[in-house]
Structures are given as structure tokens and as C-alpha cells.
Amino acid sequence: MLRLIIQAALLLFFSAAVGQTGEMLLSKAYKSKSIDQLQSFFENWASETPPILQSDFDKLSDTAQAIYKVFQSFYNPKDINRTGGSEWGNDIYKGTKYFIVQDRIYFAFVDTLISDNEEERFLTAKNYDTLKDFRPQISFPKTNCVVLTKYYDQLLNRFLGDKHYDFGTGNIMSPARSKGESEKRMQFLENYIKVWYGHWGGYWQLYSYPYASKITFDKTFQNAVVDYVMIYEGGYAFFKKVKDEWILIKAKRTWIE
């Protein structure tokens, strides 16, 4: 009898735990329009993707440590003007409670980075390696960070759906835009985060920009270029290593979709 009671209790506990999974919690929060439950969703997410511990960071290779340090010097959605700004203005993340950060980053080495000093052109490698399970040590006043793992990427895409206006609707240059239920769900999430519907339609852009698409180092390990995406634009940020610190020398937007 006691065994049956214990089994029943465990079953109830398991059922309750399943009911609090990220997907169900987000769904419940939306259906009840509960900001408190939405906050719990993001708090749980943050607890599942914490920054790398210093003890683990110290065990990384020199290359991996450099990638972390360059990214941490580069990434700041609260001051996007320092990396070239955005066509949507420089306060797009004002009031945002959570930043969604990438969980991997591409990197490579080349003999020299600068190919043309006058035109500010930088060389790239033919092949890039991937640093996975990326957990940068970043923090911002009044804004927390979560890492976009495969699980949360799929979860948010299922939640948001794909109701949208096609590219060029209303204006030949208008990007695709969410509509209907997808727009409502996006607005609900934007109580805590800022997301963008894909420029060409059919996908979501979930990262909090700027997104570092790749980092290229020179063979001296003293210079690095971050190629980045800023919503529907992109550019580069050039860094130099000074006394073990990576200092931003110049950043510029160079392309637009």
C-alpha cells in the first residue's frame, strides 16, 4: 500500500514538473496574459543557460578564451552606436528586460587581416571552425541575458508561428512583417524581449543584436575582426589586443538587405 502511495505521489510530482516545462509555461502565460508567468519563463531560461564559470573559462584553450574576450568586448545592445548603429535607431533595446545571446560562434585565422588600408578591407578565411555551447560572461544594468539554444529556438518559433505579410506588401521595399496571431504573440513576448520578423519572410530573427556572425584573427593573435549582423544590415568591428584586453578600434555598417 505504501509503495502505491509513493508511486502515486511521484506520478503527481512528475506531472506537475512536466506542466512547468518552458513550452507549457509560455503557453499558459500567453493564454492568461500573465506577465508574472512570462517572467517565470524567462527566469527559468536564464537559470538553464548561465554564463561560463571562471573556473571553467580558465580551462579553455587560448583561442577559445580569446573568442570569449573579443565577443565580450564587442557585444552591447544598449550601445549599438559604438558598433555602427542601426537604421531603426540606437534605442531599439531601451527597456528590454532580457537579451537573447547566440550559443555558438564561428572563428578562423588568416596570415594578415588588412588587405587595403585605404578602403578598410579585411581578409576572410576559406573555412571557419565553430565554438559551441558558447556562454559569454556578460551582464547589463536592469537587463538579464539568456542563450538561444536549439531547444529555445524551436520553442519560440513554434510559439510565434508564421502568420505574416510578404516582402514588398504596401511598398516595394517593405520587409516581411508578422500579422494576426503571430503579431499578437510577438507583442506579448516584447514585454520582456525584442524580436524581429525575417526580412524576406518565413522566419524569425530572435537574437538581440548585434549578432557576431564570425570572428577572424590574424596569425599574430593581436588583431581581430568581428563580422556582424544588425537586424537587416551588417558590418565589421575591428579590434586590437592591448595588454591582454581587446580594444575596439573601429566599427562600421557596410551592407543592407
C-alpha atoms as a PDB file:
ATOM      1  CA  MET A   1       0.000   0.000   0.000  1.00  0.00           C
ATOM      2  CA  LEU A   2       2.770   2.385   0.965  1.00  0.00           C
ATOM      3  CA  ARG A   3       4.509   1.606  -2.310  1.00  0.00           C
ATOM      4  CA  LEU A   4       1.382   2.536  -4.275  1.00  0.00           C
ATOM      5  CA  ILE A   5       1.079   5.803  -2.362  1.00  0.00           C
ATOM      6  CA  ILE A   6       4.708   6.659  -3.107  1.00  0.00           C
ATOM      7  CA  GLN A   7       4.259   5.806  -6.786  1.00  0.00           C
ATOM      8  CA  ALA A   8       1.119   7.957  -6.966  1.00  0.00           C
ATOM      9  CA  ALA A   9       2.929  10.848  -5.285  1.00  0.00           C
ATOM     10  CA  LEU A  10       5.851  10.541  -7.698  1.00  0.00           C
ATOM     11  CA  LEU A  11       3.452  10.472 -10.638  1.00  0.00           C
ATOM     12  CA  LEU A  12       1.746  13.647  -9.439  1.00  0.00           C
ATOM     13  CA  PHE A  13       5.138  15.283  -8.936  1.00  0.00           C
ATOM     14  CA  PHE A  14       6.287  14.268 -12.411  1.00  0.00           C
ATOM     15  CA  SER A  15       3.065  15.538 -13.978  1.00  0.00           C
ATOM     16  CA  ALA A  16       3.434  18.870 -12.193  1.00  0.00           C
ATOM     17  CA  ALA A  17       7.041  19.148 -13.348  1.00  0.00           C
ATOM     18  CA  VAL A  18       6.076  18.433 -16.958  1.00  0.00           C
ATOM     19  CA  GLY A  19       3.364  21.090 -16.669  1.00  0.00           C
ATOM     20  CA  GLN A  20       6.048  23.634 -15.847  1.00  0.00           C
ATOM     21  CA  THR A  21       8.237  22.967 -18.861  1.00  0.00           C
ATOM     22  CA  GLY A  22       9.191  26.021 -20.855  1.00  0.00           C
ATOM     23  CA  GLU A  23       6.724  25.449 -23.663  1.00  0.00           C
ATOM     24  CA  MET A  24       3.730  24.840 -21.431  1.00  0.00           C
ATOM     25  CA  LEU A  25       4.624  27.701 -19.121  1.00  0.00           C
ATOM     26  CA  LEU A  26       4.895  30.120 -22.043  1.00  0.00           C
ATOM     27  CA  SER A  27       1.608  28.864 -23.490  1.00  0.00           C
ATOM     28  CA  LYS A  28      -0.146  29.269 -20.141  1.00  0.00           C
ATOM     29  CA  ALA A  29       1.324  32.732 -19.699  1.00  0.00           C
ATOM     30  CA  TYR A  30       0.032  33.830 -23.092  1.00  0.00           C
ATOM     31  CA  LYS A  31      -3.445  32.349 -22.694  1.00  0.00           C
ATOM     32  CA  SER A  32      -3.906  34.035 -19.325  1.00  0.00           C
ATOM     33  CA  LYS A  33      -1.981  37.175 -20.413  1.00  0.00           C
ATOM     34  CA  SER A  34       0.078  36.700 -17.253  1.00  0.00           C
ATOM     35  CA  ILE A  35       3.185  38.864 -17.081  1.00  0.00           C
ATOM     36  CA  ASP A  36       4.207  37.058 -13.878  1.00  0.00           C
ATOM     37  CA  GLN A  37       4.205  33.699 -15.652  1.00  0.00           C
ATOM     38  CA  LEU A  38       6.083  35.219 -18.580  1.00  0.00           C
ATOM     39  CA  GLN A  39       8.683  36.443 -16.110  1.00  0.00           C
ATOM     40  CA  SER A  40       8.951  32.916 -14.689  1.00  0.00           C
ATOM     41  CA  PHE A  41       9.519  31.564 -18.191  1.00  0.00           C
ATOM     42  CA  PHE A  42      12.484  33.871 -18.731  1.00  0.00           C
ATOM     43  CA  GLU A  43      13.852  33.310 -15.230  1.00  0.00           C
ATOM     44  CA  ASN A  44      13.820  29.551 -15.842  1.00  0.00           C
ATOM     45  CA  TRP A  45      15.506  30.033 -19.206  1.00  0.00           C
ATOM     46  CA  ALA A  46      18.214  32.204 -17.646  1.00  0.00           C
ATOM     47  CA  SER A  47      18.883  29.634 -14.932  1.00  0.00           C
ATOM     48  CA  GLU A  48      19.325  26.938 -17.594  1.00  0.00           C
ATOM     49  CA  THR A  49      21.873  28.934 -19.627  1.00  0.00           C
ATOM     50  CA  PRO A  50      24.139  30.704 -17.110  1.00  0.00           C
ATOM     51  CA  PRO A  51      27.451  32.335 -18.080  1.00  0.00           C
ATOM     52  CA  ILE A  52      30.522  30.120 -18.083  1.00  0.00           C
ATOM     53  CA  LEU A  53      32.116  29.822 -14.642  1.00  0.00           C
ATOM     54  CA  GLN A  54      35.506  31.457 -14.280  1.00  0.00           C
ATOM     55  CA  SER A  55      36.990  28.113 -13.234  1.00  0.00           C
ATOM     56  CA  ASP A  56      35.750  26.570 -16.498  1.00  0.00           C
ATOM     57  CA  PHE A  57      36.849  29.593 -18.515  1.00  0.00           C
ATOM     58  CA  ASP A  58      40.386  29.223 -17.160  1.00  0.00           C
ATOM     59  CA  LYS A  59      40.477  25.676 -18.561  1.00  0.00           C
ATOM     60  CA  LEU A  60      39.674  26.785 -22.113  1.00  0.00           C
ATOM     61  CA  SER A  61      42.321  26.954 -24.824  1.00  0.00           C
ATOM     62  CA  ASP A  62      43.987  30.293 -25.591  1.00  0.00           C
ATOM     63  CA  THR A  63      41.947  30.506 -28.786  1.00  0.00           C
ATOM     64  CA  ALA A  64      38.631  29.891 -27.016  1.00  0.00           C
ATOM     65  CA  GLN A  65      39.487  32.430 -24.323  1.00  0.00           C
ATOM     66  CA  ALA A  66      40.318  35.000 -26.998  1.00  0.00           C
ATOM     67  CA  ILE A  67      36.990  34.367 -28.737  1.00  0.00           C
ATOM     68  CA  TYR A  68      35.147  34.952 -25.475  1.00  0.00           C
ATOM     69  CA  LYS A  69      37.085  38.125 -24.744  1.00  0.00           C
ATOM     70  CA  VAL A  70      36.594  39.605 -28.207  1.00  0.00           C
ATOM     71  CA  PHE A  71      32.885  38.875 -28.132  1.00  0.00           C
ATOM     72  CA  GLN A  72      32.504  40.310 -24.639  1.00  0.00           C
ATOM     73  CA  SER A  73      34.241  43.493 -25.761  1.00  0.00           C
ATOM     74  CA  PHE A  74      32.068  43.647 -28.859  1.00  0.00           C
ATOM     75  CA  TYR A  75      28.573  42.821 -27.623  1.00  0.00           C
ATOM     76  CA  ASN A  76      26.433  45.603 -26.164  1.00  0.00           C
ATOM     77  CA  PRO A  77      22.817  46.021 -27.378  1.00  0.00           C
ATOM     78  CA  LYS A  78      22.494  49.002 -25.029  1.00  0.00           C
ATOM     79  CA  ASP A  79      25.134  50.904 -27.017  1.00  0.00           C
ATOM     80  CA  ILE A  80      24.783  49.787 -30.620  1.00  0.00           C
ATOM     81  CA  ASN A  81      26.005  53.181 -31.823  1.00  0.00           C
ATOM     82  CA  ARG A  82      29.577  52.142 -30.925  1.00  0.00           C
ATOM     83  CA  THR A  83      29.413  49.333 -33.483  1.00  0.00           C
ATOM     84  CA  GLY A  84      27.819  51.298 -36.300  1.00  0.00           C
ATOM     85  CA  GLY A  85      24.252  51.888 -35.131  1.00  0.00           C
ATOM     86  CA  SER A  86      21.038  50.750 -36.808  1.00  0.00           C
ATOM     87  CA  GLU A  87      18.583  52.033 -39.380  1.00  0.00           C
ATOM     88  CA  TRP A  88      15.936  51.529 -36.660  1.00  0.00           C
ATOM     89  CA  GLY A  89      17.678  53.935 -34.294  1.00  0.00           C
ATOM     90  CA  ASN A  90      20.043  53.408 -31.406  1.00  0.00           C
ATOM     91  CA  ASP A  91      17.462  52.862 -28.656  1.00  0.00           C
ATOM     92  CA  ILE A  92      15.761  49.747 -30.019  1.00  0.00           C
ATOM     93  CA  TYR A  93      16.581  47.806 -26.852  1.00  0.00           C
ATOM     94  CA  LYS A  94      15.661  50.551 -24.414  1.00  0.00           C
ATOM     95  CA  GLY A  95      13.623  48.999 -21.617  1.00  0.00           C
ATOM     96  CA  THR A  96      14.258  45.427 -22.790  1.00  0.00           C
ATOM     97  CA  LYS A  97      14.431  43.085 -19.800  1.00  0.00           C
ATOM     98  CA  TYR A  98      16.284  40.198 -21.472  1.00  0.00           C
ATOM     99  CA  PHE A  99      18.844  39.904 -24.258  1.00  0.00           C
ATOM    100  CA  ILE A 100      18.912  36.716 -26.343  1.00  0.00           C
ATOM    101  CA  VAL A 101      22.527  35.736 -26.997  1.00  0.00           C
ATOM    102  CA  GLN A 102      23.977  33.289 -29.529  1.00  0.00           C
ATOM    103  CA  ASP A 103      25.111  29.839 -28.325  1.00  0.00           C
ATOM    104  CA  ARG A 104      27.907  29.353 -30.868  1.00  0.00           C
ATOM    105  CA  ILE A 105      30.355  31.435 -32.816  1.00  0.00           C
ATOM    106  CA  TYR A 106      32.466  30.862 -35.948  1.00  0.00           C
ATOM    107  CA  PHE A 107      36.187  31.682 -35.969  1.00  0.00           C
ATOM    108  CA  ALA A 108      39.309  31.358 -38.109  1.00  0.00           C
ATOM    109  CA  PHE A 109      42.876  32.629 -38.556  1.00  0.00           C
ATOM    110  CA  VAL A 110      44.473  34.331 -41.562  1.00  0.00           C
ATOM    111  CA  ASP A 111      48.059  35.438 -42.196  1.00  0.00           C
ATOM    112  CA  THR A 112      47.052  39.084 -42.217  1.00  0.00           C
ATOM    113  CA  LEU A 113      43.702  40.810 -41.751  1.00  0.00           C
ATOM    114  CA  ILE A 114      44.076  44.115 -43.529  1.00  0.00           C
ATOM    115  CA  SER A 115      44.066  43.857 -47.326  1.00  0.00           C
ATOM    116  CA  ASP A 116      43.541  47.533 -48.117  1.00  0.00           C
ATOM    117  CA  ASN A 117      44.210  50.272 -45.546  1.00  0.00           C
ATOM    118  CA  GLU A 118      42.553  52.997 -47.594  1.00  0.00           C
ATOM    119  CA  GLU A 119      39.377  51.060 -48.320  1.00  0.00           C
ATOM    120  CA  GLU A 120      39.340  49.377 -44.891  1.00  0.00           C
ATOM    121  CA  ARG A 121      39.029  45.942 -46.383  1.00  0.00           C
ATOM    122  CA  PHE A 122      39.718  42.853 -44.339  1.00  0.00           C
ATOM    123  CA  LEU A 123      40.564  39.351 -45.448  1.00  0.00           C
ATOM    124  CA  THR A 124      38.459  36.342 -44.500  1.00  0.00           C
ATOM    125  CA  ALA A 125      39.318  32.661 -44.271  1.00  0.00           C
ATOM    126  CA  LYS A 126      38.052  29.943 -46.601  1.00  0.00           C
ATOM    127  CA  ASN A 127      36.867  27.801 -43.706  1.00  0.00           C
ATOM    128  CA  TYR A 128      35.683  28.628 -40.196  1.00  0.00           C
ATOM    129  CA  ASP A 129      35.578  26.437 -37.115  1.00  0.00           C
ATOM    130  CA  THR A 130      32.765  26.584 -34.565  1.00  0.00           C
ATOM    131  CA  LEU A 131      32.955  27.232 -30.841  1.00  0.00           C
ATOM    132  CA  LYS A 132      29.822  25.553 -29.483  1.00  0.00           C
ATOM    133  CA  ASP A 133      27.998  25.796 -26.149  1.00  0.00           C
ATOM    134  CA  PHE A 134      29.015  29.447 -26.030  1.00  0.00           C
ATOM    135  CA  ARG A 135      28.202  31.053 -22.662  1.00  0.00           C
ATOM    136  CA  PRO A 136      29.773  34.532 -22.538  1.00  0.00           C
ATOM    137  CA  GLN A 137      30.351  36.345 -19.259  1.00  0.00           C
ATOM    138  CA  ILE A 138      28.231  39.413 -19.939  1.00  0.00           C
ATOM    139  CA  SER A 139      25.879  41.443 -17.778  1.00  0.00           C
ATOM    140  CA  PHE A 140      23.987  44.699 -18.131  1.00  0.00           C
ATOM    141  CA  PRO A 141      22.204  47.021 -15.697  1.00  0.00           C
ATOM    142  CA  LYS A 142      18.489  46.119 -15.455  1.00  0.00           C
ATOM    143  CA  THR A 143      18.765  43.576 -18.277  1.00  0.00           C
ATOM    144  CA  ASN A 144      19.485  39.854 -17.968  1.00  0.00           C
ATOM    145  CA  CYS A 145      20.770  37.502 -20.662  1.00  0.00           C
ATOM    146  CA  VAL A 146      19.565  34.146 -21.959  1.00  0.00           C
ATOM    147  CA  VAL A 147      21.282  31.929 -24.526  1.00  0.00           C
ATOM    148  CA  LEU A 148      19.384  30.790 -27.613  1.00  0.00           C
ATOM    149  CA  THR A 149      19.898  27.043 -27.509  1.00  0.00           C
ATOM    150  CA  LYS A 150      18.347  24.773 -30.132  1.00  0.00           C
ATOM    151  CA  TYR A 151      15.546  23.909 -27.688  1.00  0.00           C
ATOM    152  CA  TYR A 152      14.554  27.537 -27.085  1.00  0.00           C
ATOM    153  CA  ASP A 153      14.961  28.443 -30.746  1.00  0.00           C
ATOM    154  CA  GLN A 154      12.449  25.756 -31.706  1.00  0.00           C
ATOM    155  CA  LEU A 155      10.181  26.591 -28.779  1.00  0.00           C
ATOM    156  CA  LEU A 156       9.911  30.289 -29.667  1.00  0.00           C
ATOM    157  CA  ASN A 157       9.402  29.556 -33.358  1.00  0.00           C
ATOM    158  CA  ARG A 158       6.536  27.172 -32.551  1.00  0.00           C
ATOM    159  CA  PHE A 159       5.027  29.710 -30.175  1.00  0.00           C
ATOM    160  CA  LEU A 160       5.260  32.634 -32.598  1.00  0.00           C
ATOM    161  CA  GLY A 161       4.015  30.788 -35.685  1.00  0.00           C
ATOM    162  CA  ASP A 162       4.394  32.194 -39.178  1.00  0.00           C
ATOM    163  CA  LYS A 163       1.486  34.499 -39.974  1.00  0.00           C
ATOM    164  CA  HIS A 164       2.972  37.359 -41.964  1.00  0.00           C
ATOM    165  CA  TYR A 165       2.707  39.955 -44.703  1.00  0.00           C
ATOM    166  CA  ASP A 166       5.008  39.098 -47.606  1.00  0.00           C
ATOM    167  CA  PHE A 167       8.048  41.137 -48.503  1.00  0.00           C
ATOM    168  CA  GLY A 168       7.022  44.210 -50.510  1.00  0.00           C
ATOM    169  CA  THR A 169       3.461  44.375 -49.147  1.00  0.00           C
ATOM    170  CA  GLY A 170       2.327  48.006 -49.303  1.00  0.00           C
ATOM    171  CA  ASN A 171       5.720  49.178 -50.526  1.00  0.00           C
ATOM    172  CA  ILE A 172       8.228  47.507 -52.816  1.00  0.00           C
ATOM    173  CA  MET A 173      10.954  47.959 -50.172  1.00  0.00           C
ATOM    174  CA  SER A 174       8.919  46.901 -47.120  1.00  0.00           C
ATOM    175  CA  PRO A 175      10.350  43.871 -45.277  1.00  0.00           C
ATOM    176  CA  ALA A 176       8.051  40.978 -44.437  1.00  0.00           C
ATOM    177  CA  ARG A 177       6.093  41.613 -41.241  1.00  0.00           C
ATOM    178  CA  SER A 178       4.259  39.431 -38.758  1.00  0.00           C
ATOM    179  CA  LYS A 179       0.482  39.673 -38.632  1.00  0.00           C
ATOM    180  CA  GLY A 180      -2.557  38.235 -36.902  1.00  0.00           C
ATOM    181  CA  GLU A 181      -1.881  35.733 -34.131  1.00  0.00           C
ATOM    182  CA  SER A 182       1.882  35.839 -34.759  1.00  0.00           C
ATOM    183  CA  GLU A 183       1.885  39.607 -34.272  1.00  0.00           C
ATOM    184  CA  LYS A 184      -0.095  39.278 -31.019  1.00  0.00           C
ATOM    185  CA  ARG A 185       2.320  36.660 -29.697  1.00  0.00           C
ATOM    186  CA  MET A 186       5.299  38.775 -30.662  1.00  0.00           C
ATOM    187  CA  GLN A 187       3.834  41.756 -28.816  1.00  0.00           C
ATOM    188  CA  PHE A 188       3.281  39.593 -25.739  1.00  0.00           C
ATOM    189  CA  LEU A 189       6.913  38.431 -25.752  1.00  0.00           C
ATOM    190  CA  GLU A 190       8.045  42.009 -26.196  1.00  0.00           C
ATOM    191  CA  ASN A 191       7.069  42.720 -22.621  1.00  0.00           C
ATOM    192  CA  TYR A 192      10.487  41.155 -21.954  1.00  0.00           C
ATOM    193  CA  ILE A 193      12.439  40.834 -25.212  1.00  0.00           C
ATOM    194  CA  LYS A 194      12.706  42.402 -28.661  1.00  0.00           C
ATOM    195  CA  VAL A 195      12.426  40.127 -31.700  1.00  0.00           C
ATOM    196  CA  TRP A 196      12.197  40.788 -35.433  1.00  0.00           C
ATOM    197  CA  TYR A 197      10.379  39.041 -38.217  1.00  0.00           C
ATOM    198  CA  GLY A 198      12.698  37.918 -41.034  1.00  0.00           C
ATOM    199  CA  HIS A 199      13.280  40.463 -43.784  1.00  0.00           C
ATOM    200  CA  TRP A 200      12.338  38.104 -46.623  1.00  0.00           C
ATOM    201  CA  GLY A 201       9.594  36.262 -44.741  1.00  0.00           C
ATOM    202  CA  GLY A 202       9.219  32.725 -43.464  1.00  0.00           C
ATOM    203  CA  TYR A 203      11.493  33.001 -40.420  1.00  0.00           C
ATOM    204  CA  TRP A 204      12.090  34.880 -37.166  1.00  0.00           C
ATOM    205  CA  GLN A 205      15.191  36.777 -36.061  1.00  0.00           C
ATOM    206  CA  LEU A 206      15.354  36.057 -32.353  1.00  0.00           C
ATOM    207  CA  TYR A 207      18.811  37.267 -31.364  1.00  0.00           C
ATOM    208  CA  SER A 208      19.328  40.563 -29.568  1.00  0.00           C
ATOM    209  CA  TYR A 209      21.593  42.387 -31.986  1.00  0.00           C
ATOM    210  CA  PRO A 210      24.389  42.847 -32.859  1.00  0.00           C
ATOM    211  CA  TYR A 211      24.906  39.185 -33.783  1.00  0.00           C
ATOM    212  CA  ALA A 212      28.536  38.162 -34.291  1.00  0.00           C
ATOM    213  CA  SER A 213      28.451  36.049 -37.452  1.00  0.00           C
ATOM    214  CA  LYS A 214      32.180  35.259 -37.286  1.00  0.00           C
ATOM    215  CA  ILE A 215      35.492  36.333 -35.777  1.00  0.00           C
ATOM    216  CA  THR A 216      38.686  36.365 -37.820  1.00  0.00           C
ATOM    217  CA  PHE A 217      42.088  36.653 -36.110  1.00  0.00           C
ATOM    218  CA  ASP A 218      45.449  37.338 -37.701  1.00  0.00           C
ATOM    219  CA  LYS A 219      48.270  34.844 -37.103  1.00  0.00           C
ATOM    220  CA  THR A 220      49.942  37.179 -34.583  1.00  0.00           C
ATOM    221  CA  PHE A 221      46.826  36.924 -32.406  1.00  0.00           C
ATOM    222  CA  GLN A 222      46.946  40.707 -31.950  1.00  0.00           C
ATOM    223  CA  ASN A 223      44.125  41.789 -34.276  1.00  0.00           C
ATOM    224  CA  ALA A 224      40.587  40.555 -34.837  1.00  0.00           C
ATOM    225  CA  VAL A 225      37.614  41.446 -36.995  1.00  0.00           C
ATOM    226  CA  VAL A 226      34.061  40.654 -35.973  1.00  0.00           C
ATOM    227  CA  ASP A 227      31.656  40.400 -38.893  1.00  0.00           C
ATOM    228  CA  TYR A 228      28.231  41.185 -37.511  1.00  0.00           C
ATOM    229  CA  VAL A 229      24.553  41.382 -38.363  1.00  0.00           C
ATOM    230  CA  MET A 230      22.370  44.254 -37.146  1.00  0.00           C
ATOM    231  CA  ILE A 231      18.763  43.244 -37.881  1.00  0.00           C
ATOM    232  CA  TYR A 232      18.566  43.752 -41.676  1.00  0.00           C
ATOM    233  CA  GLU A 233      22.076  45.198 -42.015  1.00  0.00           C
ATOM    234  CA  GLY A 234      25.621  44.279 -41.113  1.00  0.00           C
ATOM    235  CA  GLY A 235      29.218  45.350 -40.985  1.00  0.00           C
ATOM    236  CA  TYR A 236      32.507  44.856 -39.184  1.00  0.00           C
ATOM    237  CA  ALA A 237      34.173  45.736 -35.891  1.00  0.00           C
ATOM    238  CA  PHE A 238      37.980  45.845 -35.796  1.00  0.00           C
ATOM    239  CA  PHE A 239      39.782  45.061 -32.518  1.00  0.00           C
ATOM    240  CA  LYS A 240      43.383  45.236 -31.342  1.00  0.00           C
ATOM    241  CA  LYS A 241      44.823  43.374 -28.377  1.00  0.00           C
ATOM    242  CA  VAL A 242      46.376  45.739 -25.825  1.00  0.00           C
ATOM    243  CA  LYS A 243      47.839  44.207 -22.656  1.00  0.00           C
ATOM    244  CA  ASP A 244      45.539  41.177 -22.827  1.00  0.00           C
ATOM    245  CA  GLU A 245      42.473  43.367 -23.459  1.00  0.00           C
ATOM    246  CA  TRP A 246      40.684  43.571 -26.818  1.00  0.00           C
ATOM    247  CA  ILE A 247      40.042  47.213 -27.683  1.00  0.00           C
ATOM    248  CA  LEU A 248      37.538  48.333 -30.327  1.00  0.00           C
ATOM    249  CA  ILE A 249      39.385  50.420 -32.923  1.00  0.00           C
ATOM    250  CA  LYS A 250      36.646  50.978 -35.477  1.00  0.00           C
ATOM    251  CA  ALA A 251      33.240  49.644 -36.458  1.00  0.00           C
ATOM    252  CA  LYS A 252      31.085  50.350 -39.486  1.00  0.00           C
ATOM    253  CA  ARG A 253      27.903  49.155 -41.186  1.00  0.00           C
ATOM    254  CA  THR A 254      28.760  48.085 -44.723  1.00  0.00           C
ATOM    255  CA  TRP A 255      25.700  46.294 -46.157  1.00  0.00           C
ATOM    256  CA  ILE A 256      21.905  46.212 -46.021  1.00  0.00           C
ATOM    257  CA  GLU A 257      19.330  43.669 -47.220  1.00  0.00           C
END
